[in-house]
Every structure is written in C-alpha cells, then in structure tokens.
Amino acid sequence: MAALAWLLIPLFAAIGAGAWGSWAGRNRKTIGDGHELAGYTRFREAMEKSRTDA
C-alpha cells in the first residue's frame, strides 16, 4: 500500500502540471498588444526625431 501512495504522488503532480500548462497556455483573445505597440511606435518616432534634429 505504501508503494501505491508513492506512485500516486507523481501521478497527481503530472495531472497538476498538465492542468497548469493548459491554463497558462490558453489563448487570451481579450488581451491585445495594441496599446503596447502604439507606445513603442511613439517611442520609436520620438527617437527618430531626436536623431534627425542633432
């Protein structure tokens, strides 16, 4: 019976890891990168402006 308990520990760990992996890798359609990309575009334009002014 003790051997069965030691075999169940990795089984539960594998099930937990699979559940966490599927949750962490889910497709998040509601969160977009538009805001971050717009900020990066503004930063890049500002850097280009300061380079051409000098």
PDB file of N, CA and C in Angstrom:
ATOM      1  N   MET A   1       0.825  -1.203   0.000  1.00  0.00           N
ATOM      2  CA  MET A   1       0.000   0.000   0.000  1.00  0.00           C
ATOM      3  C   MET A   1       0.867   1.264   0.000  1.00  0.00           C
ATOM      4  N   ALA A   2       2.001   1.205   0.688  1.00  0.00           N
ATOM      5  CA  ALA A   2       2.898   2.364   0.724  1.00  0.00           C
ATOM      6  C   ALA A   2       3.474   2.647  -0.663  1.00  0.00           C
ATOM      7  N   ALA A   3       3.740   1.578  -1.415  1.00  0.00           N
ATOM      8  CA  ALA A   3       4.260   1.771  -2.770  1.00  0.00           C
ATOM      9  C   ALA A   3       3.220   2.455  -3.653  1.00  0.00           C
ATOM     10  N   LEU A   4       1.977   2.121  -3.463  1.00  0.00           N
ATOM     11  CA  LEU A   4       0.909   2.757  -4.235  1.00  0.00           C
ATOM     12  C   LEU A   4       0.824   4.246  -3.916  1.00  0.00           C
ATOM     13  N   ALA A   5       0.993   4.589  -2.648  1.00  0.00           N
ATOM     14  CA  ALA A   5       0.968   6.007  -2.259  1.00  0.00           C
ATOM     15  C   ALA A   5       2.118   6.765  -2.912  1.00  0.00           C
ATOM     16  N   TRP A   6       3.316   6.146  -2.986  1.00  0.00           N
ATOM     17  CA  TRP A   6       4.455   6.807  -3.618  1.00  0.00           C
ATOM     18  C   TRP A   6       4.275   6.921  -5.122  1.00  0.00           C
ATOM     19  N   LEU A   7       3.517   6.039  -5.723  1.00  0.00           N
ATOM     20  CA  LEU A   7       3.247   6.150  -7.152  1.00  0.00           C
ATOM     21  C   LEU A   7       2.164   7.179  -7.458  1.00  0.00           C
ATOM     22  N   LEU A   8       1.294   7.423  -6.495  1.00  0.00           N
ATOM     23  CA  LEU A   8       0.235   8.406  -6.719  1.00  0.00           C
ATOM     24  C   LEU A   8       0.754   9.839  -6.654  1.00  0.00           C
ATOM     25  N   ILE A   9       1.811  10.072  -5.906  1.00  0.00           N
ATOM     26  CA  ILE A   9       2.362  11.432  -5.789  1.00  0.00           C
ATOM     27  C   ILE A   9       2.799  11.962  -7.160  1.00  0.00           C
ATOM     28  N   PRO A  10       3.621  11.227  -7.930  1.00  0.00           N
ATOM     29  CA  PRO A  10       3.969  11.738  -9.267  1.00  0.00           C
ATOM     30  C   PRO A  10       2.774  11.827 -10.208  1.00  0.00           C
ATOM     31  N   LEU A  11       1.817  10.926 -10.025  1.00  0.00           N
ATOM     32  CA  LEU A  11       0.621  10.981 -10.861  1.00  0.00           C
ATOM     33  C   LEU A  11      -0.148  12.277 -10.626  1.00  0.00           C
ATOM     34  N   PHE A  12      -0.355  12.629  -9.366  1.00  0.00           N
ATOM     35  CA  PHE A  12      -1.034  13.890  -9.053  1.00  0.00           C
ATOM     36  C   PHE A  12      -0.214  15.092  -9.504  1.00  0.00           C
ATOM     37  N   ALA A  13       1.102  14.999  -9.389  1.00  0.00           N
ATOM     38  CA  ALA A  13       1.961  16.091  -9.850  1.00  0.00           C
ATOM     39  C   ALA A  13       1.847  16.260 -11.364  1.00  0.00           C
ATOM     40  N   ALA A  14       1.810  15.165 -12.093  1.00  0.00           N
ATOM     41  CA  ALA A  14       1.682  15.239 -13.549  1.00  0.00           C
ATOM     42  C   ALA A  14       0.326  15.805 -13.953  1.00  0.00           C
ATOM     43  N   ILE A  15      -0.715  15.404 -13.267  1.00  0.00           N
ATOM     44  CA  ILE A  15      -2.048  15.946 -13.559  1.00  0.00           C
ATOM     45  C   ILE A  15      -2.089  17.445 -13.259  1.00  0.00           C
ATOM     46  N   GLY A  16      -1.509  17.836 -12.139  1.00  0.00           N
ATOM     47  CA  GLY A  16      -1.456  19.259 -11.793  1.00  0.00           C
ATOM     48  C   GLY A  16      -0.640  20.060 -12.790  1.00  0.00           C
ATOM     49  N   ALA A  17       0.486  19.491 -13.233  1.00  0.00           N
ATOM     50  CA  ALA A  17       1.319  20.187 -14.217  1.00  0.00           C
ATOM     51  C   ALA A  17       0.590  20.319 -15.546  1.00  0.00           C
ATOM     52  N   GLY A  18      -0.131  19.293 -15.930  1.00  0.00           N
ATOM     53  CA  GLY A  18      -0.905  19.375 -17.175  1.00  0.00           C
ATOM     54  C   GLY A  18      -2.015  20.398 -17.095  1.00  0.00           C
ATOM     55  N   ALA A  19      -2.684  20.452 -15.950  1.00  0.00           N
ATOM     56  CA  ALA A  19      -3.754  21.445 -15.775  1.00  0.00           C
ATOM     57  C   ALA A  19      -3.182  22.857 -15.780  1.00  0.00           C
ATOM     58  N   TRP A  20      -2.050  23.052 -15.098  1.00  0.00           N
ATOM     59  CA  TRP A  20      -1.440  24.384 -15.076  1.00  0.00           C
ATOM     60  C   TRP A  20      -0.950  24.768 -16.471  1.00  0.00           C
ATOM     61  N   GLY A  21      -0.353  23.818 -17.185  1.00  0.00           N
ATOM     62  CA  GLY A  21       0.140  24.109 -18.529  1.00  0.00           C
ATOM     63  C   GLY A  21      -0.973  24.482 -19.486  1.00  0.00           C
ATOM     64  N   SER A  22      -2.093  23.801 -19.389  1.00  0.00           N
ATOM     65  CA  SER A  22      -3.212  24.150 -20.272  1.00  0.00           C
ATOM     66  C   SER A  22      -3.809  25.497 -19.887  1.00  0.00           C
ATOM     67  N   TRP A  23      -3.813  25.815 -18.604  1.00  0.00           N
ATOM     68  CA  TRP A  23      -4.324  27.117 -18.181  1.00  0.00           C
ATOM     69  C   TRP A  23      -3.370  28.236 -18.582  1.00  0.00           C
ATOM     70  N   ALA A  24      -2.072  28.025 -18.413  1.00  0.00           N
ATOM     71  CA  ALA A  24      -1.096  29.066 -18.742  1.00  0.00           C
ATOM     72  C   ALA A  24      -0.973  29.279 -20.247  1.00  0.00           C
ATOM     73  N   GLY A  25      -1.214  28.238 -21.039  1.00  0.00           N
ATOM     74  CA  GLY A  25      -1.069  28.357 -22.477  1.00  0.00           C
ATOM     75  C   GLY A  25      -2.353  28.645 -23.212  1.00  0.00           C
ATOM     76  N   ARG A  26      -3.380  29.009 -22.495  1.00  0.00           N
ATOM     77  CA  ARG A  26      -4.667  29.249 -23.155  1.00  0.00           C
ATOM     78  C   ARG A  26      -4.579  30.483 -24.041  1.00  0.00           C
ATOM     79  N   ASN A  27      -5.453  30.548 -24.991  1.00  0.00           N
ATOM     80  CA  ASN A  27      -5.489  31.655 -25.929  1.00  0.00           C
ATOM     81  C   ASN A  27      -6.287  32.793 -25.308  1.00  0.00           C
ATOM     82  N   ARG A  28      -5.623  33.882 -25.059  1.00  0.00           N
ATOM     83  CA  ARG A  28      -6.291  35.042 -24.449  1.00  0.00           C
ATOM     84  C   ARG A  28      -6.648  36.031 -25.544  1.00  0.00           C
ATOM     85  N   LYS A  29      -7.853  35.902 -26.049  1.00  0.00           N
ATOM     86  CA  LYS A  29      -8.284  36.755 -27.157  1.00  0.00           C
ATOM     87  C   LYS A  29      -8.676  38.155 -26.695  1.00  0.00           C
ATOM     88  N   THR A  30      -8.979  38.331 -25.427  1.00  0.00           N
ATOM     89  CA  THR A  30      -9.457  39.629 -24.969  1.00  0.00           C
ATOM     90  C   THR A  30      -8.311  40.603 -24.731  1.00  0.00           C
ATOM     91  N   ILE A  31      -7.117  40.088 -24.527  1.00  0.00           N
ATOM     92  CA  ILE A  31      -5.979  40.963 -24.253  1.00  0.00           C
ATOM     93  C   ILE A  31      -5.185  41.125 -25.539  1.00  0.00           C
ATOM     94  N   GLY A  32      -5.054  42.359 -25.995  1.00  0.00           N
ATOM     95  CA  GLY A  32      -4.306  42.610 -27.210  1.00  0.00           C
ATOM     96  C   GLY A  32      -3.036  43.393 -26.935  1.00  0.00           C
ATOM     97  N   ASP A  33      -2.195  43.477 -27.927  1.00  0.00           N
ATOM     98  CA  ASP A  33      -0.946  44.197 -27.799  1.00  0.00           C
ATOM     99  C   ASP A  33      -1.033  45.591 -28.408  1.00  0.00           C
ATOM    100  N   GLY A  34      -2.224  46.024 -28.738  1.00  0.00           N
ATOM    101  CA  GLY A  34      -2.372  47.304 -29.423  1.00  0.00           C
ATOM    102  C   GLY A  34      -1.842  48.477 -28.633  1.00  0.00           C
ATOM    103  N   HIS A  35      -2.130  48.528 -27.353  1.00  0.00           N
ATOM    104  CA  HIS A  35      -1.680  49.650 -26.525  1.00  0.00           C
ATOM    105  C   HIS A  35      -0.158  49.666 -26.414  1.00  0.00           C
ATOM    106  N   GLU A  36       0.451  48.503 -26.194  1.00  0.00           N
ATOM    107  CA  GLU A  36       1.895  48.439 -26.070  1.00  0.00           C
ATOM    108  C   GLU A  36       2.578  48.773 -27.388  1.00  0.00           C
ATOM    109  N   LEU A  37       2.009  48.298 -28.494  1.00  0.00           N
ATOM    110  CA  LEU A  37       2.606  48.581 -29.792  1.00  0.00           C
ATOM    111  C   LEU A  37       2.481  50.054 -30.156  1.00  0.00           C
ATOM    112  N   ALA A  38       1.389  50.679 -29.760  1.00  0.00           N
ATOM    113  CA  ALA A  38       1.228  52.112 -30.026  1.00  0.00           C
ATOM    114  C   ALA A  38       2.259  52.909 -29.229  1.00  0.00           C
ATOM    115  N   GLY A  39       2.505  52.496 -27.985  1.00  0.00           N
ATOM    116  CA  GLY A  39       3.522  53.175 -27.186  1.00  0.00           C
ATOM    117  C   GLY A  39       4.908  52.999 -27.769  1.00  0.00           C
ATOM    118  N   TYR A  40       5.211  51.801 -28.268  1.00  0.00           N
ATOM    119  CA  TYR A  40       6.509  51.559 -28.887  1.00  0.00           C
ATOM    120  C   TYR A  40       6.650  52.386 -30.156  1.00  0.00           C
ATOM    121  N   THR A  41       5.577  52.525 -30.917  1.00  0.00           N
ATOM    122  CA  THR A  41       5.626  53.334 -32.135  1.00  0.00           C
ATOM    123  C   THR A  41       5.897  54.792 -31.792  1.00  0.00           C
ATOM    124  N   ARG A  42       5.243  55.308 -30.761  1.00  0.00           N
ATOM    125  CA  ARG A  42       5.503  56.689 -30.346  1.00  0.00           C
ATOM    126  C   ARG A  42       6.947  56.858 -29.876  1.00  0.00           C
ATOM    127  N   PHE A  43       7.468  55.874 -29.147  1.00  0.00           N
ATOM    128  CA  PHE A  43       8.850  55.936 -28.678  1.00  0.00           C
ATOM    129  C   PHE A  43       9.817  55.923 -29.862  1.00  0.00           C
ATOM    130  N   ARG A  44       9.566  55.052 -30.833  1.00  0.00           N
ATOM    131  CA  ARG A  44      10.454  54.957 -31.988  1.00  0.00           C
ATOM    132  C   ARG A  44      10.429  56.247 -32.800  1.00  0.00           C
ATOM    133  N   GLU A  45       9.249  56.841 -32.965  1.00  0.00           N
ATOM    134  CA  GLU A  45       9.157  58.105 -33.703  1.00  0.00           C
ATOM    135  C   GLU A  45       9.881  59.219 -32.974  1.00  0.00           C
ATOM    136  N   ALA A  46       9.776  59.237 -31.652  1.00  0.00           N
ATOM    137  CA  ALA A  46      10.468  60.262 -30.876  1.00  0.00           C
ATOM    138  C   ALA A  46      11.984  60.097 -30.976  1.00  0.00           C
ATOM    139  N   MET A  47      12.453  58.866 -30.977  1.00  0.00           N
ATOM    140  CA  MET A  47      13.886  58.632 -31.096  1.00  0.00           C
ATOM    141  C   MET A  47      14.390  59.010 -32.480  1.00  0.00           C
ATOM    142  N   GLU A  48      13.603  58.726 -33.502  1.00  0.00           N
ATOM    143  CA  GLU A  48      13.985  59.116 -34.859  1.00  0.00           C
ATOM    144  C   GLU A  48      14.015  60.628 -34.991  1.00  0.00           C
ATOM    145  N   LYS A  49      13.068  61.308 -34.347  1.00  0.00           N
ATOM    146  CA  LYS A  49      13.023  62.767 -34.387  1.00  0.00           C
ATOM    147  C   LYS A  49      14.260  63.379 -33.725  1.00  0.00           C
ATOM    148  N   SER A  50      14.649  62.819 -32.573  1.00  0.00           N
ATOM    149  CA  SER A  50      15.809  63.372 -31.876  1.00  0.00           C
ATOM    150  C   SER A  50      17.087  63.065 -32.630  1.00  0.00           C
ATOM    151  N   ARG A  51      17.136  61.992 -33.397  1.00  0.00           N
ATOM    152  CA  ARG A  51      18.332  61.659 -34.155  1.00  0.00           C
ATOM    153  C   ARG A  51      18.486  62.598 -35.341  1.00  0.00           C
ATOM    154  N   THR A  52      17.394  62.969 -36.013  1.00  0.00           N
ATOM    155  CA  THR A  52      17.480  63.833 -37.186  1.00  0.00           C
ATOM    156  C   THR A  52      17.660  65.292 -36.785  1.00  0.00           C
ATOM    157  N   ASP A  53      17.256  65.683 -35.569  1.00  0.00           N
ATOM    158  CA  ASP A  53      17.427  67.066 -35.139  1.00  0.00           C
ATOM    159  C   ASP A  53      18.877  67.383 -34.822  1.00  0.00           C
ATOM    160  N   ALA A  54      19.641  66.418 -34.415  1.00  0.00           N
ATOM    161  CA  ALA A  54      21.025  66.656 -33.981  1.00  0.00           C
ATOM    162  C   ALA A  54      21.957  66.730 -35.136  1.00  0.00           C
TER     163      ALA A  54
END
